[in-house]
Amino acid sequence: MKMRNKDVIKKADKAYESIVPDYCCFEVFCVSNQEYRKLKFPDKAGCVKANDTGIPQLRKFALKLAAPSIEKHFSRRMETAIPNFIETVDLWCKKQPVANAEQILATVTGPQQVRAMCQAPLPPN
């Protein structure tokens, strides 16, 4: 199976080398769903290992492609939605006669203070 995969990858690289620009990351993955499915049932599994099916490598590559946009999404969420929520709770506690308002504010603004400490630049050595 490994020899077949290497051969298929080599042929695909050769076939697409004139189409794919140099700056583009062109990866070929040979996957075997049937062999991967067999691994779910140990009594029916052959001698193929999970890595030999190509699926773990494909998953890793797909996650690597998605990671920057996922990180950007959560960074924006941390920079906008959470501070907005904290400000809303702060205003609500200040404007409404709320029992234990100080305790609520301390609970809500505590993580904000920790976040500010984490984002502060480190002192020079």
N, C-alpha and C. Protein backbone atom coordinates (compact mmCIF):
# COMPACT_ATOMS: atom_id res chain seq x y z
N MET A 1 0.82 -1.18 0.00
CA MET A 1 0.00 0.00 0.00
C MET A 1 0.87 1.26 0.00
N LYS A 2 1.98 1.22 0.76
CA LYS A 2 2.86 2.38 0.82
C LYS A 2 3.47 2.68 -0.55
N MET A 3 3.85 1.63 -1.26
CA MET A 3 4.43 1.82 -2.60
C MET A 3 3.41 2.42 -3.55
N ARG A 4 2.17 1.94 -3.47
CA ARG A 4 1.10 2.49 -4.32
C ARG A 4 0.88 3.96 -4.00
N ASN A 5 0.85 4.30 -2.72
CA ASN A 5 0.63 5.69 -2.32
C ASN A 5 1.75 6.59 -2.84
N LYS A 6 2.99 6.14 -2.69
CA LYS A 6 4.12 6.93 -3.18
C LYS A 6 4.04 7.14 -4.68
N ASP A 7 3.65 6.10 -5.39
CA ASP A 7 3.51 6.20 -6.84
C ASP A 7 2.40 7.17 -7.23
N VAL A 8 1.27 7.09 -6.56
CA VAL A 8 0.14 7.98 -6.85
C VAL A 8 0.52 9.43 -6.55
N ILE A 9 1.20 9.67 -5.45
CA ILE A 9 1.62 11.03 -5.08
C ILE A 9 2.59 11.58 -6.11
N LYS A 10 3.53 10.76 -6.54
CA LYS A 10 4.51 11.20 -7.53
C LYS A 10 3.82 11.56 -8.85
N LYS A 11 2.87 10.72 -9.28
CA LYS A 11 2.15 10.99 -10.53
C LYS A 11 1.28 12.25 -10.41
N ALA A 12 0.64 12.44 -9.26
CA ALA A 12 -0.20 13.63 -9.07
C ALA A 12 0.67 14.89 -9.06
N ASP A 13 1.80 14.84 -8.38
CA ASP A 13 2.72 15.99 -8.36
C ASP A 13 3.16 16.35 -9.77
N LYS A 14 3.49 15.34 -10.55
CA LYS A 14 3.95 15.58 -11.92
C LYS A 14 2.82 16.14 -12.79
N ALA A 15 1.62 15.59 -12.62
CA ALA A 15 0.49 16.03 -13.43
C ALA A 15 0.08 17.47 -13.13
N TYR A 16 0.23 17.91 -11.89
CA TYR A 16 -0.24 19.24 -11.51
C TYR A 16 0.87 20.27 -11.37
N GLU A 17 2.13 19.91 -11.57
CA GLU A 17 3.21 20.86 -11.35
C GLU A 17 3.14 22.07 -12.28
N SER A 18 2.60 21.91 -13.48
CA SER A 18 2.50 23.05 -14.40
C SER A 18 1.31 23.95 -14.07
N ILE A 19 0.35 23.44 -13.30
CA ILE A 19 -0.86 24.20 -12.97
C ILE A 19 -0.73 24.93 -11.64
N VAL A 20 -0.11 24.29 -10.67
CA VAL A 20 -0.02 24.83 -9.32
C VAL A 20 1.15 25.81 -9.23
N PRO A 21 0.90 27.05 -8.78
CA PRO A 21 2.00 28.01 -8.65
C PRO A 21 2.99 27.58 -7.56
N ASP A 22 4.22 28.09 -7.67
CA ASP A 22 5.28 27.71 -6.73
C ASP A 22 4.95 28.08 -5.28
N TYR A 23 4.26 29.20 -5.10
CA TYR A 23 3.97 29.66 -3.73
C TYR A 23 2.84 28.88 -3.08
N CYS A 24 2.14 28.07 -3.85
CA CYS A 24 0.99 27.33 -3.33
C CYS A 24 1.44 26.02 -2.69
N CYS A 25 0.79 25.69 -1.60
CA CYS A 25 1.09 24.44 -0.90
C CYS A 25 0.20 23.34 -1.49
N PHE A 26 0.78 22.50 -2.33
CA PHE A 26 0.02 21.43 -2.97
C PHE A 26 0.42 20.12 -2.33
N GLU A 27 -0.53 19.53 -1.62
CA GLU A 27 -0.27 18.25 -0.94
C GLU A 27 -1.23 17.21 -1.49
N VAL A 28 -0.74 16.01 -1.64
CA VAL A 28 -1.56 14.89 -2.11
C VAL A 28 -1.63 13.87 -0.98
N PHE A 29 -2.84 13.41 -0.70
CA PHE A 29 -3.03 12.41 0.35
C PHE A 29 -3.76 11.22 -0.25
N CYS A 30 -3.19 10.07 -0.08
CA CYS A 30 -3.85 8.83 -0.49
C CYS A 30 -4.51 8.27 0.77
N VAL A 31 -5.82 8.18 0.72
CA VAL A 31 -6.53 7.68 1.91
C VAL A 31 -7.29 6.42 1.56
N SER A 32 -7.41 5.56 2.56
CA SER A 32 -8.17 4.33 2.40
C SER A 32 -9.23 4.27 3.48
N ASN A 33 -10.44 4.65 3.12
CA ASN A 33 -11.54 4.62 4.09
C ASN A 33 -11.85 3.20 4.53
N GLN A 34 -11.74 2.26 3.61
CA GLN A 34 -12.05 0.87 3.95
C GLN A 34 -11.09 0.35 5.01
N GLU A 35 -9.80 0.59 4.84
CA GLU A 35 -8.81 0.13 5.81
C GLU A 35 -8.99 0.85 7.14
N TYR A 36 -9.29 2.15 7.08
CA TYR A 36 -9.48 2.93 8.31
C TYR A 36 -10.71 2.41 9.07
N ARG A 37 -11.77 2.08 8.33
CA ARG A 37 -12.99 1.55 8.95
C ARG A 37 -12.72 0.21 9.63
N LYS A 38 -11.87 -0.60 9.02
CA LYS A 38 -11.54 -1.90 9.60
C LYS A 38 -10.86 -1.75 10.96
N LEU A 39 -10.15 -0.64 11.15
CA LEU A 39 -9.44 -0.42 12.41
C LEU A 39 -10.41 -0.20 13.58
N LYS A 40 -11.64 0.17 13.29
CA LYS A 40 -12.64 0.35 14.34
C LYS A 40 -13.03 -0.98 14.96
N PHE A 41 -12.90 -2.02 14.19
CA PHE A 41 -13.29 -3.36 14.64
C PHE A 41 -12.05 -4.24 14.67
N PRO A 42 -11.37 -4.33 15.82
CA PRO A 42 -10.08 -5.04 15.89
C PRO A 42 -10.12 -6.48 15.40
N ASP A 43 -11.24 -7.16 15.55
CA ASP A 43 -11.29 -8.55 15.12
C ASP A 43 -11.27 -8.67 13.59
N LYS A 44 -11.67 -7.60 12.89
CA LYS A 44 -11.68 -7.63 11.43
C LYS A 44 -10.49 -6.89 10.82
N ALA A 45 -9.69 -6.25 11.65
CA ALA A 45 -8.59 -5.43 11.15
C ALA A 45 -7.51 -6.28 10.50
N GLY A 46 -6.94 -5.71 9.46
CA GLY A 46 -5.83 -6.38 8.80
C GLY A 46 -4.53 -5.96 9.46
N CYS A 47 -3.46 -5.98 8.70
CA CYS A 47 -2.17 -5.62 9.26
C CYS A 47 -1.84 -4.15 9.01
N VAL A 48 -2.82 -3.36 8.58
CA VAL A 48 -2.60 -1.95 8.28
C VAL A 48 -2.72 -1.13 9.56
N LYS A 49 -1.80 -0.18 9.73
CA LYS A 49 -1.85 0.73 10.87
C LYS A 49 -2.61 1.99 10.47
N ALA A 50 -3.10 2.71 11.45
CA ALA A 50 -3.89 3.93 11.18
C ALA A 50 -3.11 4.91 10.32
N ASN A 51 -1.84 5.11 10.60
CA ASN A 51 -1.04 6.05 9.81
C ASN A 51 -0.91 5.64 8.35
N ASP A 52 -0.97 4.34 8.09
CA ASP A 52 -0.84 3.85 6.72
C ASP A 52 -2.08 4.16 5.88
N THR A 53 -3.20 4.47 6.53
CA THR A 53 -4.43 4.78 5.78
C THR A 53 -4.40 6.18 5.18
N GLY A 54 -3.53 7.06 5.71
CA GLY A 54 -3.43 8.42 5.20
C GLY A 54 -4.41 9.39 5.83
N ILE A 55 -5.39 8.90 6.53
CA ILE A 55 -6.42 9.77 7.11
C ILE A 55 -5.86 10.65 8.24
N PRO A 56 -5.03 10.14 9.16
CA PRO A 56 -4.47 11.04 10.18
C PRO A 56 -3.65 12.20 9.58
N GLN A 57 -2.91 11.93 8.52
CA GLN A 57 -2.13 12.98 7.88
C GLN A 57 -3.05 14.02 7.23
N LEU A 58 -4.13 13.55 6.62
CA LEU A 58 -5.09 14.47 6.00
C LEU A 58 -5.76 15.34 7.06
N ARG A 59 -6.14 14.74 8.19
CA ARG A 59 -6.74 15.50 9.29
C ARG A 59 -5.78 16.57 9.80
N LYS A 60 -4.54 16.18 10.01
CA LYS A 60 -3.53 17.11 10.52
C LYS A 60 -3.36 18.29 9.56
N PHE A 61 -3.30 18.01 8.27
CA PHE A 61 -3.15 19.06 7.26
C PHE A 61 -4.36 20.00 7.26
N ALA A 62 -5.56 19.43 7.34
CA ALA A 62 -6.78 20.24 7.33
C ALA A 62 -6.85 21.14 8.57
N LEU A 63 -6.48 20.59 9.72
CA LEU A 63 -6.49 21.40 10.94
C LEU A 63 -5.44 22.51 10.87
N LYS A 64 -4.31 22.20 10.26
CA LYS A 64 -3.25 23.21 10.12
C LYS A 64 -3.73 24.37 9.23
N LEU A 65 -4.50 24.05 8.21
CA LEU A 65 -5.05 25.10 7.35
C LEU A 65 -6.09 25.95 8.07
N ALA A 66 -6.89 25.32 8.93
CA ALA A 66 -7.97 26.02 9.61
C ALA A 66 -7.51 26.78 10.85
N ALA A 67 -6.39 26.40 11.44
CA ALA A 67 -5.96 26.98 12.72
C ALA A 67 -5.84 28.50 12.72
N PRO A 68 -5.25 29.14 11.69
CA PRO A 68 -5.14 30.61 11.75
C PRO A 68 -6.49 31.32 11.81
N SER A 69 -7.47 30.85 11.05
CA SER A 69 -8.77 31.52 11.08
C SER A 69 -9.52 31.24 12.37
N ILE A 70 -9.35 30.06 12.94
CA ILE A 70 -9.97 29.75 14.23
C ILE A 70 -9.36 30.64 15.31
N GLU A 71 -8.05 30.78 15.30
CA GLU A 71 -7.37 31.63 16.29
C GLU A 71 -7.81 33.08 16.13
N LYS A 72 -7.93 33.55 14.89
CA LYS A 72 -8.36 34.93 14.65
C LYS A 72 -9.78 35.15 15.17
N HIS A 73 -10.66 34.18 14.94
CA HIS A 73 -12.05 34.29 15.41
C HIS A 73 -12.09 34.42 16.93
N PHE A 74 -11.38 33.55 17.65
CA PHE A 74 -11.42 33.59 19.10
C PHE A 74 -10.70 34.81 19.66
N SER A 75 -9.67 35.29 18.97
CA SER A 75 -9.00 36.52 19.40
C SER A 75 -9.96 37.70 19.32
N ARG A 76 -10.69 37.79 18.21
CA ARG A 76 -11.69 38.87 18.08
C ARG A 76 -12.74 38.77 19.16
N ARG A 77 -13.16 37.54 19.45
CA ARG A 77 -14.18 37.32 20.49
C ARG A 77 -13.65 37.81 21.84
N MET A 78 -12.40 37.49 22.13
CA MET A 78 -11.80 37.93 23.39
C MET A 78 -11.66 39.45 23.45
N GLU A 79 -11.39 40.07 22.31
CA GLU A 79 -11.16 41.51 22.28
C GLU A 79 -12.45 42.32 22.28
N THR A 80 -13.56 41.74 21.82
CA THR A 80 -14.80 42.52 21.70
C THR A 80 -15.94 42.02 22.56
N ALA A 81 -16.35 40.80 22.37
CA ALA A 81 -17.57 40.31 23.02
C ALA A 81 -17.44 40.25 24.54
N ILE A 82 -16.34 39.75 25.03
CA ILE A 82 -16.19 39.60 26.48
C ILE A 82 -16.08 40.96 27.16
N PRO A 83 -15.24 41.89 26.67
CA PRO A 83 -15.24 43.22 27.30
C PRO A 83 -16.61 43.92 27.23
N ASN A 84 -17.33 43.73 26.12
CA ASN A 84 -18.67 44.33 26.02
C ASN A 84 -19.61 43.75 27.07
N PHE A 85 -19.52 42.45 27.29
CA PHE A 85 -20.35 41.81 28.30
C PHE A 85 -20.01 42.35 29.69
N ILE A 86 -18.72 42.48 29.96
CA ILE A 86 -18.29 42.99 31.27
C ILE A 86 -18.80 44.42 31.48
N GLU A 87 -18.71 45.25 30.45
CA GLU A 87 -19.21 46.62 30.56
C GLU A 87 -20.71 46.64 30.80
N THR A 88 -21.44 45.74 30.15
CA THR A 88 -22.89 45.67 30.34
C THR A 88 -23.23 45.29 31.78
N VAL A 89 -22.56 44.30 32.30
CA VAL A 89 -22.80 43.89 33.69
C VAL A 89 -22.43 45.02 34.64
N ASP A 90 -21.33 45.69 34.35
CA ASP A 90 -20.89 46.81 35.17
C ASP A 90 -21.96 47.91 35.20
N LEU A 91 -22.46 48.29 34.02
CA LEU A 91 -23.50 49.32 33.95
C LEU A 91 -24.77 48.87 34.67
N TRP A 92 -25.13 47.63 34.47
CA TRP A 92 -26.35 47.10 35.10
C TRP A 92 -26.23 47.16 36.62
N CYS A 93 -25.06 46.77 37.14
CA CYS A 93 -24.87 46.79 38.60
C CYS A 93 -24.87 48.21 39.15
N LYS A 94 -24.35 49.15 38.36
CA LYS A 94 -24.28 50.54 38.84
C LYS A 94 -25.63 51.24 38.75
N LYS A 95 -26.44 50.90 37.76
CA LYS A 95 -27.71 51.60 37.53
C LYS A 95 -28.88 50.99 38.30
N GLN A 96 -28.84 49.71 38.53
CA GLN A 96 -29.93 49.02 39.21
C GLN A 96 -29.58 48.80 40.68
N PRO A 97 -30.56 48.87 41.55
CA PRO A 97 -30.27 48.49 42.94
C PRO A 97 -30.17 46.96 43.02
N VAL A 98 -28.96 46.47 42.92
CA VAL A 98 -28.71 45.02 42.89
C VAL A 98 -28.07 44.60 44.20
N ALA A 99 -28.63 43.57 44.78
CA ALA A 99 -28.03 43.01 45.99
C ALA A 99 -26.69 42.38 45.63
N ASN A 100 -25.70 42.58 46.45
CA ASN A 100 -24.35 42.03 46.23
C ASN A 100 -23.70 42.55 44.95
N ALA A 101 -23.95 43.80 44.60
CA ALA A 101 -23.40 44.37 43.37
C ALA A 101 -21.88 44.33 43.37
N GLU A 102 -21.26 44.62 44.51
CA GLU A 102 -19.79 44.61 44.58
C GLU A 102 -19.23 43.21 44.31
N GLN A 103 -19.90 42.21 44.85
CA GLN A 103 -19.46 40.83 44.66
C GLN A 103 -19.60 40.42 43.19
N ILE A 104 -20.70 40.82 42.56
CA ILE A 104 -20.91 40.50 41.13
C ILE A 104 -19.84 41.18 40.29
N LEU A 105 -19.58 42.46 40.56
CA LEU A 105 -18.55 43.18 39.79
C LEU A 105 -17.17 42.56 39.99
N ALA A 106 -16.85 42.16 41.19
CA ALA A 106 -15.55 41.53 41.44
C ALA A 106 -15.42 40.22 40.67
N THR A 107 -16.51 39.47 40.61
CA THR A 107 -16.49 38.19 39.89
C THR A 107 -16.32 38.41 38.39
N VAL A 108 -16.99 39.42 37.86
CA VAL A 108 -16.95 39.67 36.41
C VAL A 108 -15.66 40.34 35.99
N THR A 109 -15.16 41.29 36.78
CA THR A 109 -13.97 42.03 36.36
C THR A 109 -12.68 41.31 36.73
N GLY A 110 -12.73 40.29 37.58
CA GLY A 110 -11.53 39.53 37.92
C GLY A 110 -10.83 38.96 36.71
N PRO A 111 -11.54 38.22 35.84
CA PRO A 111 -10.89 37.69 34.63
C PRO A 111 -10.36 38.79 33.71
N GLN A 112 -11.04 39.93 33.69
CA GLN A 112 -10.58 41.05 32.86
C GLN A 112 -9.22 41.56 33.37
N GLN A 113 -9.05 41.62 34.68
CA GLN A 113 -7.78 42.07 35.25
C GLN A 113 -6.68 41.05 34.97
N VAL A 114 -7.00 39.77 35.04
CA VAL A 114 -6.02 38.72 34.72
C VAL A 114 -5.60 38.83 33.27
N ARG A 115 -6.58 39.05 32.39
CA ARG A 115 -6.29 39.19 30.95
C ARG A 115 -5.37 40.37 30.71
N ALA A 116 -5.63 41.50 31.40
CA ALA A 116 -4.79 42.69 31.23
C ALA A 116 -3.36 42.40 31.69
N MET A 117 -3.22 41.64 32.77
CA MET A 117 -1.88 41.29 33.24
C MET A 117 -1.16 40.40 32.23
N CYS A 118 -1.90 39.49 31.61
CA CYS A 118 -1.30 38.58 30.63
C CYS A 118 -0.87 39.31 29.37
N GLN A 119 -1.56 40.39 29.03
CA GLN A 119 -1.24 41.12 27.80
C GLN A 119 -0.19 42.20 28.03
N ALA A 120 0.12 42.50 29.29
CA ALA A 120 1.11 43.53 29.59
C ALA A 120 2.48 43.06 29.09
N PRO A 121 3.26 43.99 28.54
CA PRO A 121 4.59 43.59 28.06
C PRO A 121 5.49 43.18 29.22
N LEU A 122 6.35 42.25 28.94
CA LEU A 122 7.29 41.78 29.96
C LEU A 122 8.38 42.83 30.16
N PRO A 123 8.87 42.98 31.39
CA PRO A 123 9.94 43.94 31.63
C PRO A 123 11.23 43.46 30.95
N PRO A 124 12.04 44.41 30.48
CA PRO A 124 13.30 44.00 29.83
C PRO A 124 14.25 43.37 30.83
N ASN A 125 15.08 42.47 30.34
CA ASN A 125 16.06 41.78 31.21
C ASN A 125 17.18 42.70 31.63
